[in-house]
Amino acid sequence: MYPALQRILYLFLLVSFFSVSCTGSDGQGITSALALVFGNTAGSSSQPPSDPHKPWPKFLGVFGKLTFASSASVDPEGNIIATGFTEGDLGGQPMLGKLDSYIIKYDEEGKRLWTRHLGGGPKDYSKGSTYGLAIKSDKDGNVLSTGMTVVEVLDGQNKIGYQDAYLSKYDKDGNKKWTRMIGGGSNTDFHQGTSAGRGVSSDQFGNIYVIGTTNAGTFFGEKNTAEHNGLFIVKYDPDGNQIWARAPRNTGPDNIESIGGDLTIDPNGEIYFVGAAQGGFDDQVQIGIEDALLIKYDSDGNKLWVRLLGVPDQISVANDIAIDPDRNIYIVGITSGDLDGQTPIGTTDTFIVKYDKDGNKLWTRLIGNPDYSGFFMAETQGFGIAVDLNGNSYIAGTISAVKIPFTNSINNAFSAKFDTDGNLVWSNLKYMEDATKCEVHAQDVALGLNDSFFVVGYTSCLLSIIDPVNGINSLFISQETLGTGVK
């Protein structure tokens, strides 16, 4: 397995073995500055950077415990919901296992409405860990969450493989409706029974779709004879009854494996999801070492088309996807090469690509940051994307090797806005001011209702390189305005 695939599939298991400390306050510590830090890219804004402003941030963590944010969504009333995982009693909720998934909900003004934990098992990482990886609100304000767990019995549901994906549904007030386990293969072998839910969405009828990755030898009746990681997608009705499941595998001789990222549903009920593949996929020939993947299904689970995006001898991965009212498709991810002829800027750059509903590529953009020293490699990693009614796209992620005055941070969060033609409108950098070895990581972005959007991620501050356990780690939610990226 290539390192990039290992990082995506197993990242959330590995981080739980690090000992870090956290703070338990709702405070205002991140500053936001409009800064064109992405180099000479196509469509860069000509507007000068503005002075730093204080955004609308909220922080939540537990002293001495890890809290990590993964995904966010806005419900029909404009409330923001987020998920991740924690080692502590977040929001006063008691721990259920060693590491719990959580869901937290704030209103548009930043008032915390409720927090919920999902987990179980002993106080041991190997048997008591549950990770929230993706979240979405449906049309009625119900909350849908997916992730992965090693807990033997989660919310009354028995685990199937060694590690299972899960799907949980809550009403808008945080009352749990049901949980489903998604898995297969061996329940004793990590290499043949590991599944993870990576994206969740719903259609206009309340049906729910989950995408993820599994290495199970048998998954919903389909054989994985090569025992490689592969995609899965499952459809449920609003009551949690499975309608269909698909585990698409490339049967070509050069196929190695594929992974799932996130998904979205258009008004016609057609499904679009992203990820990455090695060795090509279906009729799409391999381009690089690892290629970004875009697949479209109809509502009955029939595959309509596949697109690969990559650079020879390089790695490209698609992380998130969104659609506009005209059913155009926008994907965001990372690449290490000159994708579609775009000049690379750093060691790893973020890409944004727009397709029409039939999979025809409309434009590609790269954003990144040049290396500022021979020691630090510049990596710009786009994790989240959202699109407004006018086709403007908003992305968020993490950028490294940016030299910022008054801080020693290496990793900082960024957000950016592109218009419907792919022109950069503005970019926004977030960092911890007057702190030592503090990092800010953005994991997702979601559009609000009143000319606003939310960036969600986590902070990590190592107060001493020699003594790294004395630090700060917490989730953050920052509300910002669509026009400038600052509120």
Protein backbone atom coordinates (compact mmCIF):
# COMPACT_ATOMS: atom_id res chain seq x y z
CA MET A 1 0.00 0.00 0.00
CA TYR A 2 1.32 3.45 -0.90
CA PRO A 3 1.86 5.93 1.95
CA ALA A 4 -0.93 8.24 0.77
CA LEU A 5 -3.51 5.49 1.04
CA GLN A 6 -2.22 4.42 4.42
CA ARG A 7 -2.49 7.99 5.66
CA ILE A 8 -6.10 8.39 4.57
CA LEU A 9 -7.46 5.02 5.71
CA TYR A 10 -5.52 4.55 8.93
CA LEU A 11 -4.81 8.12 10.06
CA PHE A 12 -7.58 8.15 12.63
CA LEU A 13 -6.42 4.93 14.25
CA LEU A 14 -2.84 6.09 14.52
CA VAL A 15 -3.43 9.51 16.07
CA SER A 16 -5.14 8.01 19.09
CA PHE A 17 -1.83 6.62 20.31
CA PHE A 18 -0.27 10.04 20.76
CA SER A 19 -0.49 11.73 24.16
CA VAL A 20 -1.47 15.41 23.92
CA SER A 21 -3.14 17.89 26.20
CA CYS A 22 -6.19 20.07 25.64
CA THR A 23 -8.02 23.07 26.99
CA GLY A 24 -11.69 23.19 27.89
CA SER A 25 -12.66 26.77 27.13
CA ASP A 26 -14.83 28.58 24.63
CA GLY A 27 -12.51 31.46 23.77
CA GLN A 28 -11.24 33.76 21.06
CA GLY A 29 -7.63 32.98 20.16
CA ILE A 30 -7.42 32.63 16.38
CA THR A 31 -6.77 35.69 14.28
CA SER A 32 -7.73 35.81 10.63
CA ALA A 33 -5.84 37.70 7.94
CA LEU A 34 -6.65 38.12 4.27
CA ALA A 35 -3.39 37.13 2.65
CA LEU A 36 -2.53 36.06 -0.88
CA VAL A 37 -0.17 33.33 0.28
CA PHE A 38 -0.82 30.97 -2.61
CA GLY A 39 1.78 32.20 -5.07
CA ASN A 40 1.25 33.24 -8.68
CA THR A 41 -1.76 31.09 -9.52
CA ALA A 42 -4.32 31.57 -12.25
CA GLY A 43 -7.12 33.86 -11.16
CA SER A 44 -5.40 35.44 -8.15
CA SER A 45 -7.31 38.36 -6.69
CA SER A 46 -5.95 41.83 -7.41
CA GLN A 47 -7.40 43.20 -4.20
CA PRO A 48 -4.80 44.00 -1.51
CA PRO A 49 -4.90 42.05 1.76
CA SER A 50 -6.94 43.72 4.49
CA ASP A 51 -5.95 44.17 8.10
CA PRO A 52 -6.48 41.20 10.41
CA HIS A 53 -9.94 40.88 11.96
CA LYS A 54 -11.36 38.79 14.74
CA PRO A 55 -13.69 36.12 13.36
CA TRP A 56 -16.50 34.39 15.21
CA PRO A 57 -14.66 31.41 16.68
CA LYS A 58 -15.64 28.82 19.24
CA PHE A 59 -13.25 26.37 20.87
CA LEU A 60 -14.12 23.22 22.76
CA GLY A 61 -11.89 20.61 24.32
CA VAL A 62 -11.09 18.74 27.52
CA PHE A 63 -7.96 19.43 29.53
CA GLY A 64 -5.39 16.68 29.12
CA LYS A 65 -7.36 14.92 26.35
CA LEU A 66 -7.33 14.76 22.57
CA THR A 67 -10.22 16.36 20.65
CA PHE A 68 -10.18 16.21 16.85
CA ALA A 69 -12.68 17.68 14.35
CA SER A 70 -13.41 15.92 11.04
CA SER A 71 -16.52 17.28 9.31
CA ALA A 72 -19.30 19.88 9.47
CA SER A 73 -22.73 20.64 8.03
CA VAL A 74 -25.40 23.35 8.30
CA ASP A 75 -29.03 22.37 8.93
CA PRO A 76 -32.14 24.01 7.37
CA GLU A 77 -32.36 26.48 10.27
CA GLY A 78 -28.77 27.69 9.86
CA ASN A 79 -27.32 25.81 12.83
CA ILE A 80 -23.83 24.35 12.47
CA ILE A 81 -23.13 20.73 13.43
CA ALA A 82 -19.71 19.10 13.61
CA THR A 83 -18.27 15.69 14.33
CA GLY A 84 -14.91 14.22 15.24
CA PHE A 85 -13.56 12.20 18.14
CA THR A 86 -12.41 12.89 21.68
CA GLU A 87 -10.78 11.29 24.69
CA GLY A 88 -12.68 13.46 27.17
CA ASP A 89 -16.18 14.27 28.41
CA LEU A 90 -16.79 16.90 25.75
CA GLY A 91 -19.55 19.34 26.61
CA GLY A 92 -20.14 17.51 29.89
CA GLN A 93 -21.11 14.27 28.16
CA PRO A 94 -19.67 11.18 29.91
CA MET A 95 -17.18 9.05 28.01
CA LEU A 96 -18.57 5.75 26.70
CA GLY A 97 -15.29 4.15 25.61
CA LYS A 98 -11.62 5.05 25.44
CA LEU A 99 -12.12 7.28 22.38
CA ASP A 100 -15.63 8.46 21.45
CA SER A 101 -17.19 9.95 18.36
CA TYR A 102 -19.00 13.19 19.16
CA ILE A 103 -21.58 15.46 17.55
CA ILE A 104 -21.85 19.09 18.59
CA LYS A 105 -24.43 21.64 17.50
CA TYR A 106 -24.22 25.45 17.67
CA ASP A 107 -26.78 28.00 16.53
CA GLU A 108 -25.79 30.70 14.03
CA GLU A 109 -24.88 33.10 16.84
CA GLY A 110 -22.43 30.67 18.40
CA LYS A 111 -24.57 29.34 21.26
CA ARG A 112 -23.92 25.67 21.95
CA LEU A 113 -27.21 23.75 21.74
CA TRP A 114 -26.20 20.18 22.50
CA THR A 115 -23.39 17.63 22.46
CA ARG A 116 -23.61 13.85 22.04
CA HIS A 117 -21.11 11.01 22.36
CA LEU A 118 -21.17 7.67 20.54
CA GLY A 119 -18.90 4.85 21.66
CA GLY A 120 -18.42 1.96 24.03
CA GLY A 121 -16.12 -0.88 24.96
CA PRO A 122 -13.28 -0.97 27.48
CA LYS A 123 -10.94 1.92 28.24
CA ASP A 124 -8.50 0.59 25.67
CA TYR A 125 -7.73 2.03 22.23
CA SER A 126 -7.71 -1.34 20.49
CA LYS A 127 -11.25 -2.25 21.66
CA GLY A 128 -12.88 0.99 22.78
CA SER A 129 -12.36 3.51 19.96
CA THR A 130 -15.05 5.13 17.79
CA TYR A 131 -14.22 7.86 15.27
CA GLY A 132 -16.65 10.38 13.79
CA LEU A 133 -15.47 11.12 10.25
CA ALA A 134 -18.39 12.71 8.38
CA ILE A 135 -21.68 14.44 9.17
CA LYS A 136 -24.64 15.87 7.25
CA SER A 137 -28.05 17.35 8.05
CA ASP A 138 -31.02 16.15 6.01
CA LYS A 139 -33.94 18.28 4.75
CA ASP A 140 -35.79 17.92 8.09
CA GLY A 141 -32.83 18.82 10.28
CA ASN A 142 -32.05 15.24 11.27
CA VAL A 143 -28.34 14.64 11.84
CA LEU A 144 -26.55 11.84 9.98
CA SER A 145 -23.10 10.73 11.08
CA THR A 146 -20.65 8.08 9.89
CA GLY A 147 -17.18 6.95 10.83
CA MET A 148 -15.55 3.79 12.11
CA THR A 149 -15.38 1.76 15.31
CA VAL A 150 -13.60 -1.21 16.86
CA VAL A 151 -16.22 -1.54 19.61
CA GLU A 152 -17.78 -5.02 19.72
CA VAL A 153 -21.30 -3.70 20.42
CA LEU A 154 -22.06 -0.11 19.40
CA ASP A 155 -25.46 1.25 20.40
CA GLY A 156 -26.81 -2.31 20.55
CA GLN A 157 -25.39 -3.24 17.12
CA ASN A 158 -22.84 -6.06 16.86
CA LYS A 159 -19.59 -5.44 15.02
CA ILE A 160 -19.20 -7.49 11.82
CA GLY A 161 -15.52 -7.24 10.88
CA TYR A 162 -12.36 -6.27 12.71
CA GLN A 163 -13.27 -2.59 12.36
CA ASP A 164 -16.66 -1.48 11.01
CA ALA A 165 -18.09 1.64 9.49
CA TYR A 166 -21.21 2.90 11.24
CA LEU A 167 -24.18 5.12 10.40
CA SER A 168 -26.14 6.94 13.11
CA LYS A 169 -29.22 9.13 12.83
CA TYR A 170 -30.32 11.74 15.38
CA ASP A 171 -33.27 14.12 15.31
CA LYS A 172 -32.63 17.87 15.36
CA ASP A 173 -32.75 17.92 19.18
CA GLY A 174 -30.02 15.31 19.51
CA ASN A 175 -32.23 12.30 20.25
CA LYS A 176 -30.72 9.20 18.70
CA LYS A 177 -33.04 7.33 16.32
CA TRP A 178 -30.90 4.39 15.28
CA THR A 179 -27.39 3.12 14.47
CA ARG A 180 -26.30 0.67 11.76
CA MET A 181 -23.01 -1.21 11.39
CA ILE A 182 -21.37 -1.58 7.96
CA GLY A 183 -18.61 -4.14 7.61
CA GLY A 184 -17.43 -7.55 6.52
CA GLY A 185 -14.52 -9.94 6.34
CA SER A 186 -12.50 -11.16 9.29
CA ASN A 187 -13.29 -9.96 12.80
CA THR A 188 -9.79 -10.85 13.98
CA ASP A 189 -7.51 -9.64 11.16
CA PHE A 190 -6.97 -5.91 10.68
CA HIS A 191 -5.78 -6.50 7.10
CA GLN A 192 -8.93 -8.37 5.99
CA GLY A 193 -11.78 -6.86 7.98
CA THR A 194 -11.33 -3.08 8.20
CA SER A 195 -14.07 -0.71 7.00
CA ALA A 196 -14.50 3.05 7.48
CA GLY A 197 -17.35 5.42 6.59
CA ARG A 198 -15.90 8.52 4.95
CA GLY A 199 -18.94 10.42 3.65
CA VAL A 200 -22.70 10.64 4.22
CA SER A 201 -25.55 12.46 2.49
CA SER A 202 -29.31 12.24 1.90
CA ASP A 203 -31.75 12.85 -0.95
CA GLN A 204 -35.05 14.76 -1.08
CA PHE A 205 -36.94 11.67 0.13
CA GLY A 206 -34.78 11.24 3.23
CA ASN A 207 -32.88 8.23 1.88
CA ILE A 208 -29.34 8.07 3.22
CA TYR A 209 -26.13 7.23 1.39
CA VAL A 210 -22.81 6.26 2.98
CA ILE A 211 -19.50 5.98 1.15
CA GLY A 212 -16.32 4.51 2.55
CA THR A 213 -13.40 2.14 2.19
CA THR A 214 -13.05 -1.53 3.10
CA ASN A 215 -10.46 -4.26 2.75
CA ALA A 216 -12.94 -7.01 3.70
CA GLY A 217 -12.65 -10.21 1.67
CA THR A 218 -16.45 -10.35 1.50
CA PHE A 219 -18.57 -7.22 1.67
CA PHE A 220 -22.36 -7.37 1.21
CA GLY A 221 -21.95 -10.57 -0.77
CA GLU A 222 -19.28 -9.23 -3.14
CA LYS A 223 -15.88 -10.93 -3.19
CA ASN A 224 -12.64 -8.99 -2.92
CA THR A 225 -10.28 -11.69 -4.14
CA ALA A 226 -7.30 -9.34 -4.38
CA GLU A 227 -7.82 -8.26 -0.74
CA HIS A 228 -7.05 -4.65 -1.58
CA ASN A 229 -8.75 -1.57 -0.16
CA GLY A 230 -11.82 -0.73 -2.19
CA LEU A 231 -14.78 1.64 -2.28
CA PHE A 232 -18.23 0.89 -0.97
CA ILE A 233 -21.51 2.79 -1.12
CA VAL A 234 -24.70 1.83 0.72
CA LYS A 235 -28.22 3.27 0.45
CA TYR A 236 -30.70 3.21 3.37
CA ASP A 237 -34.27 4.39 3.68
CA PRO A 238 -35.09 7.01 6.37
CA ASP A 239 -35.72 4.23 8.93
CA GLY A 240 -32.31 2.63 8.43
CA ASN A 241 -33.38 -0.25 6.21
CA GLN A 242 -30.78 -1.11 3.61
CA ILE A 243 -32.00 -0.63 0.02
CA TRP A 244 -28.84 -1.56 -1.87
CA ALA A 245 -25.08 -1.80 -1.45
CA ARG A 246 -22.27 -1.59 -3.96
CA ALA A 247 -18.59 -2.39 -3.61
CA PRO A 248 -17.15 -1.30 -6.97
CA ARG A 249 -13.90 -3.00 -7.85
CA ASN A 250 -11.75 -2.56 -10.90
CA THR A 251 -11.33 -5.96 -12.51
CA GLY A 252 -8.44 -4.83 -14.72
CA PRO A 253 -5.02 -6.47 -14.29
CA ASP A 254 -3.31 -3.26 -13.17
CA ASN A 255 -5.80 -2.31 -10.45
CA ILE A 256 -4.27 -2.09 -7.00
CA GLU A 257 -6.81 -0.40 -4.76
CA SER A 258 -9.22 2.50 -4.35
CA ILE A 259 -10.46 4.61 -1.43
CA GLY A 260 -13.60 6.65 -0.77
CA GLY A 261 -13.70 10.35 0.09
CA ASP A 262 -17.04 12.17 0.27
CA LEU A 263 -20.28 12.29 -1.71
CA THR A 264 -23.17 14.54 -2.70
CA ILE A 265 -26.66 14.04 -4.18
CA ASP A 266 -28.20 16.19 -6.92
CA PRO A 267 -31.92 17.14 -7.12
CA ASN A 268 -32.56 14.17 -9.44
CA GLY A 269 -31.25 11.75 -6.84
CA GLU A 270 -28.05 11.02 -8.76
CA ILE A 271 -25.00 10.34 -6.63
CA TYR A 272 -21.50 11.73 -7.10
CA PHE A 273 -18.57 10.65 -4.97
CA VAL A 274 -14.82 11.12 -4.88
CA GLY A 275 -11.72 9.35 -3.66
CA ALA A 276 -8.55 7.96 -5.19
CA ALA A 277 -7.44 4.91 -7.15
CA GLN A 278 -4.22 3.13 -8.03
CA GLY A 279 -3.92 1.21 -11.28
CA GLY A 280 -6.82 2.85 -13.10
CA PHE A 281 -10.55 2.26 -12.62
CA ASP A 282 -13.03 0.69 -15.05
CA ASP A 283 -12.32 2.11 -18.52
CA GLN A 284 -10.14 4.88 -17.08
CA VAL A 285 -6.43 4.23 -17.58
CA GLN A 286 -3.96 4.86 -14.77
CA ILE A 287 -2.28 8.27 -15.02
CA GLY A 288 -0.06 8.63 -11.96
CA ILE A 289 1.04 6.60 -8.97
CA GLU A 290 -2.34 7.42 -7.45
CA ASP A 291 -5.14 9.32 -9.19
CA ALA A 292 -8.09 11.36 -7.97
CA LEU A 293 -11.38 9.55 -8.61
CA LEU A 294 -14.88 10.85 -9.44
CA ILE A 295 -17.81 8.43 -9.92
CA LYS A 296 -21.49 8.99 -10.72
CA TYR A 297 -24.32 6.55 -9.86
CA ASP A 298 -28.06 6.78 -10.39
CA SER A 299 -30.47 6.40 -7.47
CA ASP A 300 -30.86 2.66 -8.15
CA GLY A 301 -27.16 1.99 -7.71
CA ASN A 302 -26.20 1.78 -11.39
CA LYS A 303 -22.79 3.19 -12.23
CA LEU A 304 -23.07 5.89 -14.93
CA TRP A 305 -19.50 7.04 -15.46
CA VAL A 306 -16.02 7.28 -13.92
CA ARG A 307 -13.36 9.98 -14.22
CA LEU A 308 -9.70 9.86 -13.17
CA LEU A 309 -7.52 12.91 -12.62
CA GLY A 310 -3.78 12.68 -12.16
CA VAL A 311 -0.18 13.43 -13.12
CA PRO A 312 2.37 10.85 -14.36
CA ASP A 313 4.58 9.57 -11.52
CA GLN A 314 2.73 11.76 -8.99
CA ILE A 315 -0.02 11.38 -6.37
CA SER A 316 -3.45 13.05 -6.57
CA VAL A 317 -6.33 12.47 -4.13
CA ALA A 318 -9.86 13.95 -4.17
CA ASN A 319 -11.17 14.71 -0.67
CA ASP A 320 -14.52 16.50 -1.00
CA ILE A 321 -17.24 17.32 -3.52
CA ALA A 322 -20.11 19.79 -3.99
CA ILE A 323 -22.65 20.65 -6.71
CA ASP A 324 -24.28 23.91 -7.82
CA PRO A 325 -27.92 24.51 -8.87
CA ASP A 326 -27.03 23.64 -12.49
CA ARG A 327 -25.67 20.27 -11.33
CA ASN A 328 -22.08 21.23 -12.10
CA ILE A 329 -19.64 19.31 -9.94
CA TYR A 330 -16.76 20.79 -7.92
CA ILE A 331 -14.08 18.65 -6.31
CA VAL A 332 -11.17 19.57 -4.07
CA GLY A 333 -8.10 17.57 -3.17
CA ILE A 334 -4.32 17.42 -3.27
CA THR A 335 -1.71 16.79 -5.94
CA SER A 336 2.07 16.65 -6.11
CA GLY A 337 2.33 17.53 -9.81
CA ASP A 338 1.34 19.84 -12.68
CA LEU A 339 -2.29 18.77 -12.81
CA ASP A 340 -3.95 19.56 -16.16
CA GLY A 341 -0.96 21.68 -17.13
CA GLN A 342 -1.25 23.96 -14.10
CA THR A 343 2.16 25.01 -12.77
CA PRO A 344 2.87 23.41 -9.37
CA ILE A 345 3.74 25.83 -6.59
CA GLY A 346 4.77 23.81 -3.53
CA THR A 347 5.64 20.23 -2.73
CA THR A 348 1.92 19.44 -2.49
CA ASP A 349 -0.80 21.76 -3.80
CA THR A 350 -4.57 21.95 -3.46
CA PHE A 351 -6.58 21.48 -6.63
CA ILE A 352 -10.12 22.58 -7.46
CA VAL A 353 -11.72 21.09 -10.57
CA LYS A 354 -15.14 21.85 -12.06
CA TYR A 355 -17.08 19.33 -14.19
CA ASP A 356 -20.51 19.50 -15.78
CA LYS A 357 -23.14 16.90 -14.84
CA ASP A 358 -21.96 14.59 -17.64
CA GLY A 359 -18.38 14.52 -16.41
CA ASN A 360 -16.89 16.99 -18.89
CA LYS A 361 -14.10 18.95 -17.29
CA LEU A 362 -14.61 22.74 -17.35
CA TRP A 363 -11.57 24.08 -15.52
CA THR A 364 -8.77 23.21 -13.09
CA ARG A 365 -6.97 25.43 -10.58
CA LEU A 366 -4.01 24.86 -8.27
CA ILE A 367 -3.27 26.84 -5.15
CA GLY A 368 -0.19 26.41 -3.02
CA ASN A 369 2.74 28.02 -1.29
CA PRO A 370 6.44 27.90 -2.26
CA ASP A 371 8.97 26.37 0.12
CA TYR A 372 10.46 29.13 2.26
CA SER A 373 13.46 27.13 3.41
CA GLY A 374 15.33 24.03 2.46
CA PHE A 375 14.06 22.28 5.59
CA PHE A 376 10.29 22.83 5.43
CA MET A 377 8.41 21.48 2.42
CA ALA A 378 5.35 23.54 1.49
CA GLU A 379 2.16 21.50 1.52
CA THR A 380 -1.29 22.96 0.87
CA GLN A 381 -3.99 20.39 1.53
CA GLY A 382 -7.60 21.14 0.62
CA PHE A 383 -10.06 19.06 2.63
CA GLY A 384 -13.47 20.76 2.32
CA ILE A 385 -15.51 22.49 -0.39
CA ALA A 386 -18.94 24.16 -0.54
CA VAL A 387 -20.71 25.93 -3.42
CA ASP A 388 -23.28 28.73 -3.22
CA LEU A 389 -26.31 29.39 -5.45
CA ASN A 390 -24.22 31.48 -7.85
CA GLY A 391 -21.61 28.80 -8.40
CA ASN A 392 -18.95 30.39 -6.20
CA SER A 393 -16.87 27.76 -4.43
CA TYR A 394 -15.38 27.98 -0.94
CA ILE A 395 -12.57 25.70 0.14
CA ALA A 396 -10.75 25.08 3.41
CA GLY A 397 -7.68 23.15 4.43
CA THR A 398 -4.22 23.30 5.95
CA ILE A 399 -1.12 25.00 4.61
CA SER A 400 2.41 24.39 5.88
CA ALA A 401 5.74 26.20 5.66
CA VAL A 402 4.18 29.67 5.77
CA LYS A 403 6.36 32.22 7.54
CA ILE A 404 4.07 34.38 9.69
CA PRO A 405 5.31 37.17 11.98
CA PHE A 406 4.77 36.74 15.75
CA THR A 407 4.22 32.97 15.52
CA ASN A 408 6.36 29.85 15.19
CA SER A 409 3.58 27.72 13.73
CA ILE A 410 4.30 25.45 10.80
CA ASN A 411 0.75 24.37 9.91
CA ASN A 412 -2.02 26.95 9.55
CA ALA A 413 -5.60 26.86 8.31
CA PHE A 414 -6.71 28.55 5.11
CA SER A 415 -9.93 29.24 3.27
CA ALA A 416 -10.44 30.66 -0.21
CA LYS A 417 -13.22 31.71 -2.56
CA PHE A 418 -13.35 31.13 -6.32
CA ASP A 419 -16.00 32.46 -8.67
CA THR A 420 -17.91 30.20 -11.05
CA ASP A 421 -15.23 30.65 -13.74
CA GLY A 422 -12.40 29.61 -11.44
CA ASN A 423 -11.04 33.06 -10.62
CA LEU A 424 -9.63 33.48 -7.12
CA VAL A 425 -11.71 36.12 -5.29
CA TRP A 426 -10.00 36.08 -1.91
CA SER A 427 -7.91 33.89 0.38
CA ASN A 428 -7.81 33.80 4.15
CA LEU A 429 -5.11 32.55 6.53
CA LYS A 430 -5.74 31.57 10.15
CA TYR A 431 -3.05 31.15 12.75
CA MET A 432 -2.49 31.36 16.49
CA GLU A 433 -1.08 34.77 17.39
CA ASP A 434 1.61 35.25 20.04
CA ALA A 435 1.94 31.51 20.64
CA THR A 436 4.79 29.06 20.34
CA LYS A 437 4.55 25.94 18.18
CA CYS A 438 0.81 26.32 17.69
CA GLU A 439 -0.93 24.86 14.67
CA VAL A 440 -4.39 25.37 13.18
CA HIS A 441 -5.84 22.69 10.90
CA ALA A 442 -9.04 23.26 8.87
CA GLN A 443 -10.91 20.05 7.99
CA ASP A 444 -14.18 21.20 6.42
CA VAL A 445 -16.28 24.16 5.28
CA ALA A 446 -20.08 24.60 5.27
CA LEU A 447 -22.32 27.40 3.96
CA GLY A 448 -24.58 29.26 6.39
CA LEU A 449 -27.92 30.89 5.63
CA ASN A 450 -27.22 34.59 6.15
CA ASP A 451 -24.27 35.48 3.93
CA SER A 452 -21.91 33.38 6.03
CA PHE A 453 -19.93 30.19 6.02
CA PHE A 454 -18.23 28.08 8.68
CA VAL A 455 -14.72 26.67 8.81
CA VAL A 456 -14.26 23.71 11.16
CA GLY A 457 -11.03 22.12 12.32
CA TYR A 458 -8.76 21.71 15.29
CA THR A 459 -5.87 23.45 17.01
CA SER A 460 -2.73 21.90 18.41
CA CYS A 461 -0.20 23.82 20.49
CA LEU A 462 3.05 22.30 21.69
CA LEU A 463 4.34 24.67 24.35
CA SER A 464 7.71 22.94 24.44
CA ILE A 465 9.42 20.70 21.93
CA ILE A 466 11.17 18.94 24.79
CA ASP A 467 7.93 18.38 26.72
CA PRO A 468 5.21 18.01 24.06
CA VAL A 469 2.51 16.62 26.35
CA ASN A 470 1.99 20.02 27.95
CA GLY A 471 -0.03 21.63 25.18
CA ILE A 472 -3.44 22.58 23.82
CA ASN A 473 -5.69 20.64 21.47
CA SER A 474 -9.31 21.48 20.73
CA LEU A 475 -11.87 21.69 17.96
CA PHE A 476 -12.71 25.09 16.54
CA ILE A 477 -15.67 26.46 14.59
CA SER A 478 -15.24 29.85 12.90
CA GLN A 479 -18.10 31.76 11.29
CA GLU A 480 -17.12 34.11 8.46
CA THR A 481 -18.81 36.22 5.79
CA LEU A 482 -19.10 35.08 2.19
CA GLY A 483 -17.87 38.36 0.74
CA THR A 484 -14.55 38.68 2.51
CA GLY A 485 -13.93 35.53 4.49
CA VAL A 486 -13.83 37.56 7.71
CA LYS A 487 -16.49 38.35 10.28
